[in-house]
């Protein structure tokens, strides 16, 4: 009798396992077409609340950005079969939902059990940085650098962390650039850093490197236009401003610099036109009214300038 019961249990186990595998295979096949809603329907229709099914449903919800549902199903999977793998995914769902406190707590719990999970350590370092806990971020990043000193991203993030604490960030950004000459984020930060401390030659060097890598970069085009204006190269300033305008980047900064450049070139009609455009964006900006007055005076329209 006991043998018969054992055989029945084994048969039921294999039948359920086969059915579960079949549902998962069908869901994966549907997901390959991009129809995630149909895949979810297929998984839920099976009425199988097993670990594998719950985990699969959670991963789909996480992929499509439904963090609340992802958390629900990852919690269900964790109750059925606790593991650091699920805890890490649950932490990511909390992170995506904006609950960074819970995400940080769970990430740290996973790291306690596996301190060599460097991918997770890097994720946590960036999360600490986003949460204005730069010192914790620096600690983790230095640990990562000790393990892998050839990764430019660690130095880039270290530069950002030092910047948050008011320390010199340039060493981190420069090290990232030296390790990877295509690391455009570090190049941009170096261009900004040298501009801020008024080392114009170094700033221009990194701006030009950035534009060579990405000629349409809005960030580098803005920096280049500013530098050209400071160098009194007004025609060149306008050239770079037009590149911004061509990308529909029509900001107060662009219009004001257009107006000032045309004013310096004594092209008063265009100067006035751009200061008027700037005024439409911010009619309270006193500098626009002042510069517009200078243009009108230069045009001999003294009454309008008053």
Protein backbone atom coordinates (compact mmCIF):
# COMPACT_ATOMS: atom_id res chain seq x y z
CA UNK A 1 0.00 0.00 0.00
CA UNK A 2 2.81 2.39 0.94
CA UNK A 3 4.59 1.57 -2.30
CA UNK A 4 1.44 2.37 -4.32
CA UNK A 5 1.06 5.74 -2.54
CA UNK A 6 4.70 6.53 -3.20
CA UNK A 7 4.30 5.70 -6.89
CA UNK A 8 1.20 7.91 -7.11
CA UNK A 9 3.04 10.81 -5.43
CA UNK A 10 5.98 10.42 -7.80
CA UNK A 11 3.67 10.32 -10.83
CA UNK A 12 1.79 13.43 -9.66
CA UNK A 13 5.09 15.22 -9.06
CA UNK A 14 6.33 14.51 -12.56
CA UNK A 15 2.97 15.41 -14.11
CA UNK A 16 2.96 18.76 -12.29
CA UNK A 17 6.58 19.40 -13.21
CA UNK A 18 5.93 18.61 -16.86
CA UNK A 19 2.88 20.88 -16.88
CA UNK A 20 4.89 23.67 -15.24
CA UNK A 21 7.72 23.32 -17.76
CA UNK A 22 5.18 23.35 -20.59
CA UNK A 23 3.61 26.59 -19.33
CA UNK A 24 7.02 28.23 -18.96
CA UNK A 25 8.08 27.16 -22.46
CA UNK A 26 4.84 28.54 -23.92
CA UNK A 27 5.31 31.81 -22.05
CA UNK A 28 8.91 32.14 -23.30
CA UNK A 29 7.73 31.46 -26.85
CA UNK A 30 5.09 34.19 -26.57
CA UNK A 31 7.59 36.62 -25.02
CA UNK A 32 9.82 36.25 -28.07
CA UNK A 33 7.04 37.96 -30.07
CA UNK A 34 6.95 40.82 -27.55
CA UNK A 35 3.40 40.09 -26.39
CA UNK A 36 4.05 40.18 -22.65
CA UNK A 37 0.36 40.53 -21.76
CA UNK A 38 -0.51 37.25 -23.46
CA UNK A 39 2.45 35.58 -21.75
CA UNK A 40 1.19 36.79 -18.36
CA UNK A 41 -2.31 35.55 -19.16
CA UNK A 42 -0.90 32.14 -20.07
CA UNK A 43 1.09 31.92 -16.82
CA UNK A 44 -1.80 33.06 -14.61
CA UNK A 45 -4.32 30.82 -16.39
CA UNK A 46 -2.32 27.78 -15.29
CA UNK A 47 -3.35 28.48 -11.66
CA UNK A 48 0.14 27.35 -10.73
CA UNK A 49 1.49 29.39 -7.81
CA UNK A 50 4.82 27.61 -7.72
CA UNK A 51 8.20 29.25 -7.23
CA UNK A 52 9.15 29.01 -10.92
CA UNK A 53 5.86 30.50 -12.16
CA UNK A 54 5.85 33.30 -9.57
CA UNK A 55 9.44 34.14 -10.42
CA UNK A 56 8.65 34.23 -14.14
CA UNK A 57 5.62 36.49 -13.66
CA UNK A 58 7.69 38.81 -11.46
CA UNK A 59 10.50 39.04 -14.03
CA UNK A 60 8.01 39.99 -16.77
CA UNK A 61 6.45 42.71 -14.64
CA UNK A 62 9.91 44.02 -13.78
CA UNK A 63 10.91 44.09 -17.46
CA UNK A 64 7.85 46.16 -18.43
CA UNK A 65 8.29 48.54 -15.49
CA UNK A 66 5.38 47.45 -13.29
CA UNK A 67 7.38 47.49 -10.05
CA UNK A 68 4.40 47.02 -7.70
CA UNK A 69 3.36 43.75 -9.38
CA UNK A 70 6.99 42.63 -9.66
CA UNK A 71 7.42 43.13 -5.89
CA UNK A 72 4.23 41.14 -5.20
CA UNK A 73 5.36 38.11 -7.20
CA UNK A 74 9.01 38.23 -6.10
CA UNK A 75 7.78 38.24 -2.49
CA UNK A 76 5.64 35.20 -3.27
CA UNK A 77 8.60 33.43 -4.87
CA UNK A 78 10.83 34.33 -1.90
CA UNK A 79 8.28 32.87 0.57
CA UNK A 80 8.25 29.63 -1.39
CA UNK A 81 12.01 29.40 -1.84
CA UNK A 82 14.15 32.04 -0.09
CA UNK A 83 17.36 32.89 -1.96
CA UNK A 84 19.77 35.77 -2.48
CA UNK A 85 18.91 35.69 -6.18
CA UNK A 86 15.26 36.55 -5.50
CA UNK A 87 16.19 39.01 -2.75
CA UNK A 88 18.42 40.87 -5.21
CA UNK A 89 15.65 41.05 -7.82
CA UNK A 90 13.22 42.20 -5.14
CA UNK A 91 15.67 44.94 -4.19
CA UNK A 92 15.88 46.06 -7.81
CA UNK A 93 12.09 46.25 -7.99
CA UNK A 94 12.05 48.43 -4.87
CA UNK A 95 14.76 50.58 -6.43
CA UNK A 96 12.75 51.04 -9.64
CA UNK A 97 9.65 51.87 -7.60
CA UNK A 98 11.54 54.65 -5.82
CA UNK A 99 11.74 52.91 -2.45
CA UNK A 100 15.50 53.22 -2.21
CA UNK A 101 15.65 52.65 1.55
CA UNK A 102 14.29 49.11 1.18
CA UNK A 103 16.42 48.51 -1.91
CA UNK A 104 19.61 49.50 -0.07
CA UNK A 105 18.72 47.31 2.93
CA UNK A 106 18.09 44.24 0.75
CA UNK A 107 21.19 44.83 -1.40
CA UNK A 108 23.30 44.99 1.75
CA UNK A 109 21.77 41.75 3.04
CA UNK A 110 22.72 40.01 -0.20
CA UNK A 111 26.26 41.45 -0.05
CA UNK A 112 26.73 40.17 3.48
CA UNK A 113 26.27 36.64 2.18
CA UNK A 114 28.30 37.24 -0.98
CA UNK A 115 30.81 40.10 -0.58
CA UNK A 116 32.36 39.23 -3.95
CA UNK A 117 29.21 40.11 -5.88
CA UNK A 118 30.92 43.01 -7.62
CA UNK A 119 28.05 43.79 -9.98
CA UNK A 120 25.75 44.26 -7.01
CA UNK A 121 28.38 46.27 -5.15
CA UNK A 122 28.63 48.62 -8.15
CA UNK A 123 24.83 48.97 -8.28
CA UNK A 124 24.78 49.79 -4.58
CA UNK A 125 27.61 52.33 -4.95
CA UNK A 126 25.63 54.20 -7.62
CA UNK A 127 22.48 54.02 -5.51
CA UNK A 128 24.27 55.50 -2.49
CA UNK A 129 25.54 58.28 -4.73
CA UNK A 130 22.04 59.01 -6.04
CA UNK A 131 20.84 59.17 -2.43
CA UNK A 132 23.51 61.74 -1.49
CA UNK A 133 25.45 59.25 0.60
CA UNK A 134 28.68 59.91 -1.24
CA UNK A 135 30.98 58.61 1.49
CA UNK A 136 29.42 55.14 1.43
CA UNK A 137 29.66 55.22 -2.35
CA UNK A 138 33.37 56.12 -2.17
CA UNK A 139 34.03 53.20 0.20
CA UNK A 140 32.40 50.70 -2.17
CA UNK A 141 34.03 52.18 -5.26
CA UNK A 142 37.49 51.96 -3.71
CA UNK A 143 36.82 48.29 -2.93
CA UNK A 144 35.78 47.74 -6.54
CA UNK A 145 38.89 49.53 -7.84
CA UNK A 146 41.09 47.39 -5.61
CA UNK A 147 39.55 44.29 -7.20
CA UNK A 148 39.55 45.63 -10.78
CA UNK A 149 41.67 48.77 -11.35
CA UNK A 150 41.11 48.59 -15.12
CA UNK A 151 37.41 49.50 -15.08
CA UNK A 152 36.97 53.16 -16.14
CA UNK A 153 33.39 53.33 -14.85
CA UNK A 154 34.56 52.91 -11.27
CA UNK A 155 36.82 55.96 -11.58
CA UNK A 156 34.08 57.97 -13.29
CA UNK A 157 31.65 57.26 -10.45
CA UNK A 158 34.43 58.01 -7.95
CA UNK A 159 34.87 61.39 -9.61
CA UNK A 160 31.14 62.07 -9.22
CA UNK A 161 31.27 61.00 -5.58
CA UNK A 162 34.22 63.29 -4.83
CA UNK A 163 32.38 66.14 -6.55
CA UNK A 164 29.42 65.59 -4.20
CA UNK A 165 31.71 65.88 -1.19
CA UNK A 166 33.35 69.05 -2.48
CA UNK A 167 36.67 67.38 -3.29
CA UNK A 168 38.61 67.56 -6.55
CA UNK A 169 36.86 65.15 -8.96
CA UNK A 170 39.27 65.55 -11.84
CA UNK A 171 41.59 62.67 -10.91
CA UNK A 172 38.74 60.18 -11.14
CA UNK A 173 37.50 61.53 -14.48
CA UNK A 174 41.03 61.74 -15.89
CA UNK A 175 41.83 58.16 -14.84
CA UNK A 176 38.61 56.98 -16.52
CA UNK A 177 39.59 58.81 -19.72
CA UNK A 178 43.14 57.40 -19.65
CA UNK A 179 41.70 53.90 -19.33
CA UNK A 180 39.11 54.50 -22.04
CA UNK A 181 39.67 57.35 -24.50
CA UNK A 182 36.04 56.95 -25.69
CA UNK A 183 34.55 57.47 -22.21
CA UNK A 184 32.50 60.47 -23.27
CA UNK A 185 30.92 61.08 -19.85
CA UNK A 186 34.35 61.56 -18.30
CA UNK A 187 35.43 63.75 -21.21
CA UNK A 188 32.40 65.98 -20.66
CA UNK A 189 33.05 66.23 -16.92
CA UNK A 190 36.70 67.14 -17.56
CA UNK A 191 35.64 69.82 -20.07
CA UNK A 192 33.26 71.30 -17.48
CA UNK A 193 35.78 71.03 -14.66
CA UNK A 194 38.55 72.87 -16.51
CA UNK A 195 36.05 75.48 -17.71
CA UNK A 196 34.91 76.08 -14.12
CA UNK A 197 38.46 76.63 -12.86
CA UNK A 198 39.20 78.76 -15.95
CA UNK A 199 41.87 76.56 -17.49
CA UNK A 200 40.57 77.34 -20.96
CA UNK A 201 43.13 75.40 -23.03
CA UNK A 202 42.39 72.14 -21.22
CA UNK A 203 38.66 72.79 -21.40
CA UNK A 204 38.84 73.38 -25.16
CA UNK A 205 40.94 70.24 -25.60
CA UNK A 206 38.29 68.02 -24.02
CA UNK A 207 35.43 69.87 -25.73
CA UNK A 208 37.04 69.20 -29.11
CA UNK A 209 37.65 65.55 -28.21
CA UNK A 210 33.98 65.23 -27.23
CA UNK A 211 32.76 66.84 -30.45
CA UNK A 212 34.99 64.57 -32.48
CA UNK A 213 33.37 61.56 -30.82
CA UNK A 214 29.86 62.98 -31.10
CA UNK A 215 29.51 66.06 -33.36
CA UNK A 216 25.83 66.44 -32.44
CA UNK A 217 26.26 66.36 -28.67
CA UNK A 218 24.13 69.12 -27.15
CA UNK A 219 26.39 69.25 -24.09
CA UNK A 220 29.62 69.75 -26.02
CA UNK A 221 28.04 72.13 -28.54
CA UNK A 222 26.89 74.40 -25.70
CA UNK A 223 30.34 74.39 -24.12
CA UNK A 224 31.96 75.05 -27.49
CA UNK A 225 29.64 77.99 -28.22
CA UNK A 226 30.40 79.51 -24.81
CA UNK A 227 34.14 79.11 -25.27
CA UNK A 228 34.09 80.61 -28.75
CA UNK A 229 32.18 83.61 -27.41
CA UNK A 230 34.71 84.08 -24.61
CA UNK A 231 37.44 83.88 -27.25
CA UNK A 232 35.61 86.67 -29.13
CA UNK A 233 35.15 84.34 -32.11
CA UNK A 234 31.59 85.49 -32.69
CA UNK A 235 31.13 84.02 -36.17
CA UNK A 236 32.25 80.65 -34.82
CA UNK A 237 29.92 81.04 -31.84
CA UNK A 238 26.99 81.49 -34.23
CA UNK A 239 28.07 78.42 -36.21
CA UNK A 240 27.83 76.21 -33.12
CA UNK A 241 24.61 77.85 -31.96
CA UNK A 242 23.06 77.07 -35.33
CA UNK A 243 24.01 73.42 -34.83
CA UNK A 244 22.08 73.50 -31.56
CA UNK A 245 19.13 75.25 -33.18
CA UNK A 246 19.11 72.68 -35.99
CA UNK A 247 18.47 70.01 -33.35
CA UNK A 248 15.50 72.01 -32.03
CA UNK A 249 17.51 73.01 -28.96
CA UNK A 250 15.98 76.45 -28.61
CA UNK A 251 16.65 77.56 -25.06
CA UNK A 252 17.11 80.87 -23.26
CA UNK A 253 20.86 80.25 -23.27
CA UNK A 254 20.91 79.74 -27.05
CA UNK A 255 18.80 82.78 -27.87
CA UNK A 256 20.69 85.12 -25.54
CA UNK A 257 24.06 84.00 -26.88
CA UNK A 258 22.79 84.39 -30.44
CA UNK A 259 21.68 87.93 -29.60
CA UNK A 260 24.99 88.85 -27.96
CA UNK A 261 27.04 87.37 -30.81
CA UNK A 262 25.07 89.21 -33.50
CA UNK A 263 25.30 92.40 -31.41
CA UNK A 264 29.10 92.07 -31.25
CA UNK A 265 29.14 91.61 -35.04
CA UNK A 266 26.93 94.71 -35.40
CA UNK A 267 24.20 92.64 -37.05
CA UNK A 268 21.54 94.46 -35.07
CA UNK A 269 18.49 93.08 -36.90
CA UNK A 270 19.39 89.50 -36.03
CA UNK A 271 20.48 90.52 -32.52
CA UNK A 272 17.08 92.12 -31.90
CA UNK A 273 15.24 89.13 -33.35
CA UNK A 274 16.98 86.71 -30.98
CA UNK A 275 16.61 88.90 -27.92
CA UNK A 276 12.88 89.05 -28.71
CA UNK A 277 12.81 85.24 -28.89
CA UNK A 278 14.62 85.11 -25.54
CA UNK A 279 12.09 87.55 -24.06
CA UNK A 280 9.26 85.23 -25.08
CA UNK A 281 10.84 82.50 -22.97
CA UNK A 282 11.50 84.72 -19.94
CA UNK A 283 10.05 88.23 -20.00
CA UNK A 284 11.32 88.88 -16.44
CA UNK A 285 15.01 88.44 -17.34
CA UNK A 286 16.50 91.91 -16.80
CA UNK A 287 19.61 91.12 -18.85
CA UNK A 288 17.48 90.54 -21.96
CA UNK A 289 15.79 93.93 -21.60
CA UNK A 290 19.15 95.61 -21.00
CA UNK A 291 20.81 94.02 -24.04
CA UNK A 292 17.76 94.70 -26.18
CA UNK A 293 18.04 98.35 -25.17
CA UNK A 294 21.70 98.40 -26.26
CA UNK A 295 20.72 96.98 -29.65
CA UNK A 296 17.94 99.54 -30.15
CA UNK A 297 20.31 102.38 -29.25
CA UNK A 298 22.85 101.05 -31.73
CA UNK A 299 20.09 101.06 -34.36
CA UNK A 300 19.29 104.69 -33.52
CA UNK A 301 15.87 103.81 -32.06
CA UNK A 302 16.37 105.78 -28.88
CA UNK A 303 12.72 106.14 -27.88
CA UNK A 304 12.14 102.41 -28.17
CA UNK A 305 15.29 101.79 -26.13
CA UNK A 306 14.00 103.79 -23.17
